[in-house]
Amino acid sequence: MLVGVNIADSWLRAAATPLHCKVEKMPFLYLGLPIGGDPRRLVFWDPVLTRIRNRLSGRKSRFLSFGGRLVLLKSVLTS
């Protein structure tokens, strides 16, 4: 994936063709975290919150202590 910042689209497409990559626009996801957006907006954090809810959903969350939930939250945020 090739993402350009302050580069003309024509140059970006010309560079992506010999490299056999896709051309993407900002913002995009990298390792599950949004890159290039405004972190002050709540929408920016939706993918992260969704992953945390999915990991803590159902029966799994009932069996985790507070410390276990904290460790799981830190692991999701660092991934």
Protein backbone atom coordinates (compact mmCIF):
# COMPACT_ATOMS: atom_id res chain seq x y z
CA MET A 1 0.00 0.00 0.00
CA LEU A 2 1.35 3.40 -0.95
CA VAL A 3 0.07 6.57 0.72
CA GLY A 4 1.25 10.00 -0.34
CA VAL A 5 1.26 13.16 1.72
CA ASN A 6 1.42 16.40 -0.26
CA ILE A 7 2.17 14.47 -3.47
CA ALA A 8 0.23 14.70 -6.73
CA ASP A 9 -2.04 11.72 -7.43
CA SER A 10 -0.55 11.24 -10.89
CA TRP A 11 2.98 10.87 -9.46
CA LEU A 12 1.72 8.53 -6.75
CA ARG A 13 0.00 6.26 -9.30
CA ALA A 14 3.10 6.30 -11.48
CA ALA A 15 5.24 5.22 -8.52
CA ALA A 16 2.77 2.52 -7.40
CA THR A 17 2.54 0.82 -10.80
CA PRO A 18 6.11 -0.57 -11.00
CA LEU A 19 5.99 -1.48 -7.30
CA HIS A 20 2.71 -3.40 -7.77
CA CYS A 21 1.01 -1.73 -4.80
CA LYS A 22 -2.33 -0.12 -4.14
CA VAL A 23 -2.71 3.62 -3.73
CA GLU A 24 -4.60 4.57 -0.57
CA LYS A 25 -5.85 7.84 0.87
CA MET A 26 -5.61 9.24 4.38
CA PRO A 27 -6.87 8.18 6.96
CA PHE A 28 -6.10 4.44 6.88
CA LEU A 29 -5.70 1.65 9.41
CA TYR A 30 -2.27 0.38 10.39
CA LEU A 31 -2.08 -2.47 12.90
CA GLY A 32 -5.69 -1.77 13.83
CA LEU A 33 -5.13 1.89 14.65
CA PRO A 34 -6.27 4.76 12.47
CA ILE A 35 -3.45 6.83 10.97
CA GLY A 36 -3.93 10.33 9.65
CA GLY A 37 -7.18 11.21 11.36
CA ASP A 38 -8.05 13.58 14.17
CA PRO A 39 -7.56 11.76 17.52
CA ARG A 40 -9.70 14.36 19.29
CA ARG A 41 -12.82 13.06 17.51
CA LEU A 42 -14.69 10.08 18.92
CA VAL A 43 -15.07 8.49 15.47
CA PHE A 44 -11.27 8.18 15.30
CA TRP A 45 -11.30 5.68 18.18
CA ASP A 46 -14.23 3.51 16.96
CA PRO A 47 -12.05 0.66 15.58
CA VAL A 48 -10.07 0.50 18.83
CA LEU A 49 -13.20 0.51 21.00
CA THR A 50 -14.80 -2.17 18.83
CA ARG A 51 -11.78 -4.44 19.27
CA ILE A 52 -11.81 -3.93 23.04
CA ARG A 53 -15.55 -4.69 23.24
CA ASN A 54 -15.09 -7.84 21.15
CA ARG A 55 -12.26 -9.08 23.36
CA LEU A 56 -14.21 -8.42 26.57
CA SER A 57 -17.59 -9.62 25.32
CA GLY A 58 -19.73 -12.34 26.80
CA ARG A 59 -18.54 -14.86 29.35
CA LYS A 60 -14.88 -13.94 28.98
CA SER A 61 -15.27 -10.64 30.80
CA ARG A 62 -16.99 -12.22 33.81
CA PHE A 63 -13.99 -14.42 34.58
CA LEU A 64 -11.35 -11.68 34.35
CA SER A 65 -10.27 -9.77 37.42
CA PHE A 66 -9.72 -6.01 37.27
CA GLY A 67 -5.99 -6.58 36.80
CA GLY A 68 -6.66 -9.08 34.02
CA ARG A 69 -8.92 -6.60 32.24
CA LEU A 70 -6.25 -3.94 32.57
CA VAL A 71 -3.58 -6.22 31.07
CA LEU A 72 -5.92 -7.14 28.22
CA LEU A 73 -6.71 -3.48 27.57
CA LYS A 74 -3.01 -2.60 27.44
CA SER A 75 -2.31 -5.46 25.03
CA VAL A 76 -5.08 -4.33 22.67
CA LEU A 77 -3.88 -0.74 22.73
CA THR A 78 -0.26 -1.67 22.06
CA SER A 79 -1.06 -4.03 19.17
